[in-house]
Amino acid sequence: MRVYAEYGGSVKRWAYLSCRIAAARGFDHSAAHLTPEEGLPLLAAAEDDRGARWESMLLLGSPEVVAAARDWHQAVHRLDWYARGRLTDAEQWLPAIREMEKYRDKYYECARNDLGVGGGTLPPPAWPPAWVPKTGT
């Protein structure tokens, strides 16, 4: 259980930093902006941490969880590229976020199933909530 939780936390940190830096580059996101100068070293460290935890996933994860984890971190790589300025297509930013969220949910679904956690499917995210102003994108 610990490997799954720690891996999930590391991918989440990496994704969130990517979103914060991308937001500073002008991409629509509610996360607090983090300039590339401040954020890119943190982003590299977060990706390094995720990579180190990946080895435990490969060793201890079920095939289904490993596949879902791989899909999730590949989707986060796309966000990372936005943060680094390698991707710049504003029209593909929100689809990239949605894809990452889909794979994150699949990872947790597979991990919960593997761990025998009951309770069924997790509810879909309700983001952004109704009180967040629309920015036009």
N, C-alpha and C. Protein backbone atom coordinates (compact mmCIF):
# COMPACT_ATOMS: atom_id res chain seq x y z
N MET A 1 0.82 -1.19 0.00
CA MET A 1 0.00 0.00 0.00
C MET A 1 0.87 1.26 0.00
N ARG A 2 1.93 1.22 0.78
CA ARG A 2 2.79 2.40 0.90
C ARG A 2 3.42 2.78 -0.43
N VAL A 3 3.86 1.79 -1.20
CA VAL A 3 4.47 2.06 -2.50
C VAL A 3 3.47 2.77 -3.41
N TYR A 4 2.24 2.31 -3.42
CA TYR A 4 1.22 2.92 -4.27
C TYR A 4 0.93 4.36 -3.83
N ALA A 5 0.80 4.56 -2.54
CA ALA A 5 0.49 5.90 -2.02
C ALA A 5 1.65 6.86 -2.27
N GLU A 6 2.87 6.41 -2.01
CA GLU A 6 4.02 7.29 -2.21
C GLU A 6 4.24 7.60 -3.69
N TYR A 7 4.02 6.61 -4.54
CA TYR A 7 4.15 6.87 -5.96
C TYR A 7 3.09 7.88 -6.41
N GLY A 8 1.86 7.68 -5.98
CA GLY A 8 0.79 8.62 -6.32
C GLY A 8 1.11 10.03 -5.87
N GLY A 9 1.62 10.17 -4.66
CA GLY A 9 1.99 11.49 -4.16
C GLY A 9 3.09 12.13 -4.98
N SER A 10 4.05 11.33 -5.42
CA SER A 10 5.16 11.90 -6.20
C SER A 10 4.68 12.35 -7.57
N VAL A 11 3.80 11.60 -8.20
CA VAL A 11 3.28 12.01 -9.51
C VAL A 11 2.40 13.24 -9.35
N LYS A 12 1.62 13.29 -8.29
CA LYS A 12 0.78 14.46 -8.03
C LYS A 12 1.63 15.72 -7.86
N ARG A 13 2.71 15.64 -7.08
CA ARG A 13 3.59 16.81 -6.90
C ARG A 13 4.17 17.27 -8.23
N TRP A 14 4.61 16.34 -9.03
CA TRP A 14 5.18 16.64 -10.34
C TRP A 14 4.13 17.30 -11.24
N ALA A 15 2.93 16.76 -11.24
CA ALA A 15 1.84 17.34 -12.06
C ALA A 15 1.50 18.74 -11.58
N TYR A 16 1.39 18.93 -10.27
CA TYR A 16 1.00 20.23 -9.73
C TYR A 16 2.06 21.29 -10.02
N LEU A 17 3.32 20.94 -9.86
CA LEU A 17 4.38 21.88 -10.21
C LEU A 17 4.33 22.22 -11.70
N SER A 18 4.08 21.23 -12.53
CA SER A 18 3.95 21.48 -13.97
C SER A 18 2.84 22.47 -14.25
N CYS A 19 1.71 22.30 -13.58
CA CYS A 19 0.58 23.20 -13.78
C CYS A 19 0.89 24.61 -13.29
N ARG A 20 1.56 24.72 -12.17
CA ARG A 20 1.90 26.04 -11.63
C ARG A 20 2.83 26.81 -12.57
N ILE A 21 3.82 26.10 -13.12
CA ILE A 21 4.75 26.76 -14.03
C ILE A 21 4.05 27.08 -15.35
N ALA A 22 3.23 26.16 -15.85
CA ALA A 22 2.48 26.41 -17.08
C ALA A 22 1.53 27.60 -16.89
N ALA A 23 0.94 27.71 -15.72
CA ALA A 23 0.06 28.85 -15.44
C ALA A 23 0.84 30.16 -15.53
N ALA A 24 2.06 30.16 -15.04
CA ALA A 24 2.90 31.35 -15.14
C ALA A 24 3.25 31.66 -16.60
N ARG A 25 3.23 30.65 -17.44
CA ARG A 25 3.49 30.85 -18.87
C ARG A 25 2.22 31.28 -19.62
N GLY A 26 1.09 31.39 -18.90
CA GLY A 26 -0.14 31.88 -19.51
C GLY A 26 -1.19 30.83 -19.77
N PHE A 27 -0.96 29.59 -19.38
CA PHE A 27 -1.96 28.55 -19.59
C PHE A 27 -2.98 28.59 -18.45
N ASP A 28 -4.23 28.36 -18.80
CA ASP A 28 -5.34 28.49 -17.86
C ASP A 28 -5.27 27.42 -16.78
N HIS A 29 -5.08 27.86 -15.55
CA HIS A 29 -5.10 26.95 -14.40
C HIS A 29 -5.26 27.79 -13.15
N SER A 30 -5.96 27.24 -12.18
CA SER A 30 -6.22 27.97 -10.94
C SER A 30 -5.06 27.90 -9.95
N ALA A 31 -4.05 27.10 -10.26
CA ALA A 31 -2.90 26.95 -9.36
C ALA A 31 -2.14 28.27 -9.26
N ALA A 32 -1.55 28.49 -8.11
CA ALA A 32 -0.71 29.67 -7.92
C ALA A 32 0.45 29.61 -8.90
N HIS A 33 0.69 30.70 -9.58
CA HIS A 33 1.75 30.76 -10.57
C HIS A 33 3.12 30.59 -9.92
N LEU A 34 3.99 29.90 -10.62
CA LEU A 34 5.37 29.69 -10.19
C LEU A 34 6.24 29.96 -11.42
N THR A 35 7.09 30.96 -11.34
CA THR A 35 7.88 31.31 -12.50
C THR A 35 8.77 30.15 -12.91
N PRO A 36 9.07 30.05 -14.20
CA PRO A 36 9.98 28.99 -14.64
C PRO A 36 11.33 29.04 -13.92
N GLU A 37 11.83 30.23 -13.67
CA GLU A 37 13.12 30.35 -12.98
C GLU A 37 13.08 29.72 -11.59
N GLU A 38 11.99 29.93 -10.90
CA GLU A 38 11.84 29.33 -9.56
C GLU A 38 11.41 27.87 -9.63
N GLY A 39 10.55 27.58 -10.60
CA GLY A 39 9.90 26.28 -10.62
C GLY A 39 10.64 25.15 -11.31
N LEU A 40 11.43 25.47 -12.34
CA LEU A 40 12.05 24.38 -13.10
C LEU A 40 12.99 23.51 -12.26
N PRO A 41 13.79 24.08 -11.35
CA PRO A 41 14.59 23.18 -10.49
C PRO A 41 13.72 22.29 -9.60
N LEU A 42 12.60 22.83 -9.11
CA LEU A 42 11.68 22.03 -8.31
C LEU A 42 11.03 20.94 -9.16
N LEU A 43 10.71 21.29 -10.39
CA LEU A 43 10.11 20.33 -11.31
C LEU A 43 11.07 19.18 -11.59
N ALA A 44 12.32 19.50 -11.82
CA ALA A 44 13.32 18.46 -12.07
C ALA A 44 13.46 17.54 -10.85
N ALA A 45 13.46 18.12 -9.67
CA ALA A 45 13.57 17.31 -8.44
C ALA A 45 12.34 16.41 -8.27
N ALA A 46 11.16 16.95 -8.58
CA ALA A 46 9.92 16.16 -8.46
C ALA A 46 9.93 15.00 -9.44
N GLU A 47 10.41 15.25 -10.66
CA GLU A 47 10.47 14.18 -11.65
C GLU A 47 11.51 13.14 -11.25
N ASP A 48 12.61 13.58 -10.69
CA ASP A 48 13.62 12.64 -10.19
C ASP A 48 13.04 11.76 -9.09
N ASP A 49 12.28 12.37 -8.17
CA ASP A 49 11.66 11.62 -7.08
C ASP A 49 10.69 10.59 -7.64
N ARG A 50 9.88 11.01 -8.62
CA ARG A 50 8.94 10.08 -9.25
C ARG A 50 9.69 8.92 -9.90
N GLY A 51 10.76 9.23 -10.58
CA GLY A 51 11.54 8.17 -11.22
C GLY A 51 12.11 7.17 -10.24
N ALA A 52 12.59 7.66 -9.11
CA ALA A 52 13.12 6.76 -8.09
C ALA A 52 12.02 5.86 -7.52
N ARG A 53 10.86 6.43 -7.31
CA ARG A 53 9.73 5.64 -6.77
C ARG A 53 9.19 4.65 -7.81
N TRP A 54 9.41 4.96 -9.07
CA TRP A 54 8.96 4.07 -10.14
C TRP A 54 9.59 2.69 -10.01
N GLU A 55 10.82 2.64 -9.56
CA GLU A 55 11.49 1.36 -9.41
C GLU A 55 10.76 0.46 -8.41
N SER A 56 10.27 1.03 -7.33
CA SER A 56 9.48 0.25 -6.37
C SER A 56 8.17 -0.21 -6.97
N MET A 57 7.58 0.65 -7.79
CA MET A 57 6.33 0.26 -8.47
C MET A 57 6.59 -0.94 -9.38
N LEU A 58 7.68 -0.90 -10.14
CA LEU A 58 7.99 -2.01 -11.04
C LEU A 58 8.25 -3.30 -10.28
N LEU A 59 8.84 -3.18 -9.10
CA LEU A 59 9.15 -4.35 -8.30
C LEU A 59 7.91 -4.93 -7.62
N LEU A 60 7.05 -4.06 -7.07
CA LEU A 60 5.97 -4.53 -6.21
C LEU A 60 4.56 -4.36 -6.77
N GLY A 61 4.41 -3.57 -7.81
CA GLY A 61 3.08 -3.29 -8.34
C GLY A 61 2.53 -4.43 -9.18
N SER A 62 1.22 -4.58 -9.14
CA SER A 62 0.58 -5.56 -10.03
C SER A 62 0.71 -5.06 -11.46
N PRO A 63 0.62 -5.94 -12.45
CA PRO A 63 0.71 -5.49 -13.84
C PRO A 63 -0.32 -4.41 -14.19
N GLU A 64 -1.52 -4.52 -13.66
CA GLU A 64 -2.56 -3.53 -13.95
C GLU A 64 -2.21 -2.16 -13.36
N VAL A 65 -1.69 -2.16 -12.15
CA VAL A 65 -1.32 -0.89 -11.51
C VAL A 65 -0.11 -0.28 -12.20
N VAL A 66 0.85 -1.09 -12.57
CA VAL A 66 2.03 -0.57 -13.27
C VAL A 66 1.60 0.06 -14.61
N ALA A 67 0.72 -0.60 -15.33
CA ALA A 67 0.25 -0.05 -16.62
C ALA A 67 -0.47 1.27 -16.40
N ALA A 68 -1.32 1.33 -15.39
CA ALA A 68 -2.05 2.57 -15.11
C ALA A 68 -1.10 3.67 -14.65
N ALA A 69 -0.12 3.31 -13.84
CA ALA A 69 0.87 4.30 -13.39
C ALA A 69 1.67 4.84 -14.57
N ARG A 70 2.02 3.97 -15.48
CA ARG A 70 2.78 4.40 -16.67
C ARG A 70 1.95 5.38 -17.51
N ASP A 71 0.68 5.06 -17.72
CA ASP A 71 -0.19 5.98 -18.47
C ASP A 71 -0.27 7.34 -17.79
N TRP A 72 -0.41 7.32 -16.45
CA TRP A 72 -0.52 8.57 -15.70
C TRP A 72 0.75 9.39 -15.81
N HIS A 73 1.91 8.76 -15.58
CA HIS A 73 3.12 9.59 -15.62
C HIS A 73 3.45 10.03 -17.04
N GLN A 74 3.05 9.28 -18.05
CA GLN A 74 3.25 9.76 -19.42
C GLN A 74 2.37 10.97 -19.71
N ALA A 75 1.16 10.98 -19.16
CA ALA A 75 0.29 12.15 -19.32
C ALA A 75 0.87 13.35 -18.58
N VAL A 76 1.49 13.13 -17.44
CA VAL A 76 2.12 14.23 -16.71
C VAL A 76 3.35 14.73 -17.46
N HIS A 77 4.04 13.86 -18.16
CA HIS A 77 5.16 14.31 -18.99
C HIS A 77 4.69 15.39 -19.97
N ARG A 78 3.50 15.22 -20.50
CA ARG A 78 2.95 16.23 -21.42
C ARG A 78 2.80 17.58 -20.72
N LEU A 79 2.29 17.56 -19.48
CA LEU A 79 2.17 18.81 -18.72
C LEU A 79 3.55 19.39 -18.42
N ASP A 80 4.49 18.53 -18.11
CA ASP A 80 5.86 18.95 -17.86
C ASP A 80 6.40 19.69 -19.08
N TRP A 81 6.12 19.20 -20.26
CA TRP A 81 6.59 19.85 -21.48
C TRP A 81 5.96 21.23 -21.66
N TYR A 82 4.71 21.39 -21.25
CA TYR A 82 4.11 22.74 -21.25
C TYR A 82 4.86 23.63 -20.27
N ALA A 83 5.15 23.11 -19.10
CA ALA A 83 5.86 23.89 -18.09
C ALA A 83 7.24 24.32 -18.59
N ARG A 84 7.89 23.46 -19.32
CA ARG A 84 9.24 23.74 -19.82
C ARG A 84 9.24 24.57 -21.11
N GLY A 85 8.05 24.84 -21.67
CA GLY A 85 7.96 25.61 -22.90
C GLY A 85 8.18 24.79 -24.15
N ARG A 86 8.23 23.48 -24.04
CA ARG A 86 8.42 22.61 -25.21
C ARG A 86 7.12 22.42 -25.99
N LEU A 87 6.00 22.50 -25.31
CA LEU A 87 4.68 22.50 -25.94
C LEU A 87 4.05 23.85 -25.69
N THR A 88 3.39 24.40 -26.70
CA THR A 88 2.85 25.75 -26.58
C THR A 88 1.43 25.89 -27.12
N ASP A 89 0.83 24.82 -27.59
CA ASP A 89 -0.51 24.88 -28.18
C ASP A 89 -1.56 25.04 -27.09
N ALA A 90 -2.06 26.26 -26.94
CA ALA A 90 -3.03 26.57 -25.88
C ALA A 90 -4.31 25.75 -26.02
N GLU A 91 -4.68 25.41 -27.23
CA GLU A 91 -5.91 24.64 -27.42
C GLU A 91 -5.78 23.20 -26.93
N GLN A 92 -4.57 22.71 -26.79
CA GLN A 92 -4.37 21.35 -26.31
C GLN A 92 -4.07 21.27 -24.82
N TRP A 93 -3.96 22.43 -24.15
CA TRP A 93 -3.65 22.45 -22.73
C TRP A 93 -4.74 21.80 -21.90
N LEU A 94 -5.97 22.26 -22.04
CA LEU A 94 -7.04 21.67 -21.22
C LEU A 94 -7.29 20.21 -21.56
N PRO A 95 -7.24 19.79 -22.83
CA PRO A 95 -7.32 18.35 -23.09
C PRO A 95 -6.19 17.56 -22.42
N ALA A 96 -5.01 18.16 -22.33
CA ALA A 96 -3.90 17.49 -21.65
C ALA A 96 -4.19 17.33 -20.17
N ILE A 97 -4.78 18.36 -19.56
CA ILE A 97 -5.18 18.27 -18.15
C ILE A 97 -6.21 17.17 -17.97
N ARG A 98 -7.22 17.14 -18.82
CA ARG A 98 -8.29 16.13 -18.71
C ARG A 98 -7.74 14.72 -18.88
N GLU A 99 -6.81 14.57 -19.82
CA GLU A 99 -6.19 13.26 -20.02
C GLU A 99 -5.44 12.82 -18.77
N MET A 100 -4.68 13.73 -18.20
CA MET A 100 -3.94 13.41 -16.98
C MET A 100 -4.90 13.00 -15.87
N GLU A 101 -6.00 13.74 -15.72
CA GLU A 101 -6.98 13.41 -14.68
C GLU A 101 -7.59 12.03 -14.91
N LYS A 102 -7.87 11.70 -16.16
CA LYS A 102 -8.44 10.38 -16.49
C LYS A 102 -7.48 9.27 -16.08
N TYR A 103 -6.20 9.46 -16.40
CA TYR A 103 -5.22 8.43 -16.06
C TYR A 103 -4.93 8.38 -14.57
N ARG A 104 -4.99 9.52 -13.90
CA ARG A 104 -4.84 9.53 -12.44
C ARG A 104 -5.95 8.71 -11.81
N ASP A 105 -7.18 8.95 -12.24
CA ASP A 105 -8.31 8.20 -11.70
C ASP A 105 -8.18 6.71 -11.96
N LYS A 106 -7.71 6.34 -13.14
CA LYS A 106 -7.52 4.93 -13.48
C LYS A 106 -6.45 4.31 -12.58
N TYR A 107 -5.38 5.05 -12.32
CA TYR A 107 -4.34 4.55 -11.42
C TYR A 107 -4.92 4.23 -10.05
N TYR A 108 -5.66 5.16 -9.49
CA TYR A 108 -6.22 4.93 -8.16
C TYR A 108 -7.26 3.82 -8.17
N GLU A 109 -8.01 3.71 -9.23
CA GLU A 109 -8.97 2.61 -9.34
C GLU A 109 -8.24 1.27 -9.35
N CYS A 110 -7.19 1.16 -10.14
CA CYS A 110 -6.42 -0.09 -10.20
C CYS A 110 -5.73 -0.39 -8.87
N ALA A 111 -5.16 0.63 -8.26
CA ALA A 111 -4.48 0.43 -6.98
C ALA A 111 -5.47 -0.01 -5.91
N ARG A 112 -6.63 0.63 -5.86
CA ARG A 112 -7.65 0.26 -4.87
C ARG A 112 -8.11 -1.17 -5.09
N ASN A 113 -8.32 -1.55 -6.34
CA ASN A 113 -8.72 -2.93 -6.63
C ASN A 113 -7.65 -3.91 -6.20
N ASP A 114 -6.39 -3.60 -6.49
CA ASP A 114 -5.30 -4.49 -6.14
C ASP A 114 -5.17 -4.64 -4.63
N LEU A 115 -5.46 -3.57 -3.91
CA LEU A 115 -5.35 -3.59 -2.45
C LEU A 115 -6.60 -4.12 -1.76
N GLY A 116 -7.63 -4.40 -2.54
CA GLY A 116 -8.87 -4.90 -1.96
C GLY A 116 -9.68 -3.85 -1.22
N VAL A 117 -9.49 -2.59 -1.60
CA VAL A 117 -10.24 -1.51 -0.97
C VAL A 117 -11.65 -1.51 -1.56
N GLY A 118 -12.64 -1.60 -0.72
CA GLY A 118 -14.02 -1.61 -1.18
C GLY A 118 -14.55 -0.21 -1.40
N GLY A 119 -15.80 -0.15 -1.71
CA GLY A 119 -16.46 1.15 -1.83
C GLY A 119 -16.77 1.55 -3.25
N GLY A 120 -16.37 0.77 -4.22
CA GLY A 120 -16.72 1.07 -5.60
C GLY A 120 -15.85 2.15 -6.23
N THR A 121 -16.36 2.68 -7.31
CA THR A 121 -15.65 3.68 -8.09
C THR A 121 -15.67 5.03 -7.39
N LEU A 122 -14.55 5.71 -7.43
CA LEU A 122 -14.49 7.05 -6.84
C LEU A 122 -15.32 8.02 -7.66
N PRO A 123 -15.90 9.02 -7.02
CA PRO A 123 -16.69 9.99 -7.78
C PRO A 123 -15.79 10.82 -8.69
N PRO A 124 -16.33 11.27 -9.82
CA PRO A 124 -15.51 12.08 -10.72
C PRO A 124 -15.17 13.42 -10.08
N PRO A 125 -14.04 14.00 -10.50
CA PRO A 125 -13.68 15.30 -9.93
C PRO A 125 -14.69 16.37 -10.34
N ALA A 126 -14.94 17.27 -9.46
CA ALA A 126 -15.85 18.39 -9.74
C ALA A 126 -15.01 19.65 -9.82
N TRP A 127 -14.12 19.68 -10.80
CA TRP A 127 -13.23 20.82 -10.92
C TRP A 127 -13.35 21.40 -12.31
N PRO A 128 -13.43 22.65 -12.46
CA PRO A 128 -13.46 23.63 -11.38
C PRO A 128 -14.84 23.70 -10.75
N PRO A 129 -14.91 24.04 -9.48
CA PRO A 129 -16.21 24.20 -8.85
C PRO A 129 -16.94 25.41 -9.44
N ALA A 130 -18.23 25.46 -9.23
CA ALA A 130 -19.06 26.51 -9.83
C ALA A 130 -18.62 27.92 -9.43
N TRP A 131 -18.00 28.08 -8.26
CA TRP A 131 -17.63 29.42 -7.82
C TRP A 131 -16.37 29.98 -8.49
N VAL A 132 -15.63 29.14 -9.25
CA VAL A 132 -14.44 29.63 -9.93
C VAL A 132 -14.87 30.42 -11.17
N PRO A 133 -14.43 31.68 -11.29
CA PRO A 133 -14.81 32.47 -12.46
C PRO A 133 -14.28 31.87 -13.75
N LYS A 134 -15.05 31.97 -14.80
CA LYS A 134 -14.63 31.50 -16.11
C LYS A 134 -13.67 32.53 -16.71
N THR A 135 -12.59 32.04 -17.34
CA THR A 135 -11.59 32.95 -17.89
C THR A 135 -11.67 33.06 -19.40
N GLY A 136 -12.59 32.34 -20.02
CA GLY A 136 -12.74 32.44 -21.45
C GLY A 136 -12.02 31.36 -22.24
N THR A 137 -11.26 30.47 -21.57
CA THR A 137 -10.59 29.39 -22.28
C THR A 137 -11.15 28.06 -21.85
